[in-house]
Amino acid sequence: QVQLVESGGGLVQPGESLRLSCTYHTSFSAAIVGWYRRAPGKEREFVGGISPDGVPRYVDSVKGRFTISRDNAKNTVSLQMNNLKPEDTAVYYCASKTSWGQGTQVTVST
């Protein structure tokens, strides 16, 4: 059973923006939802997360550029990514409790 589904990835140029969405099963409505990414050749890393009541937190490398928001009525968590850099290139995943989405590719390149 698919519990979390990401969408919105793509190819953009440096400085551009993308918005990722994570649609989650209602069983995660009272849980923290996190965003993670795995860059080529690197370990998966935490990007940020949001509490059930909408309080976000971020890793230092994306603060001021990424914004996480949540709509519990629609069972979605969004990751707005601005001023993207080549080093943001990765597969982005949302996760909650012990469940993970399938990931969506973000490529930042000229």
Foldseek 3Di string as FASTA:
>chain_A
DAFKAKDWADEEAAQAKTKMKIAGDLVCLQWKKFKWWDAVPGDIGTAKIAGSVWDIDGDPVQPPFWDWGDDSVRRMIMIIGGRDDQVVFTWMWMDTDHDIYPTDTHGYHD
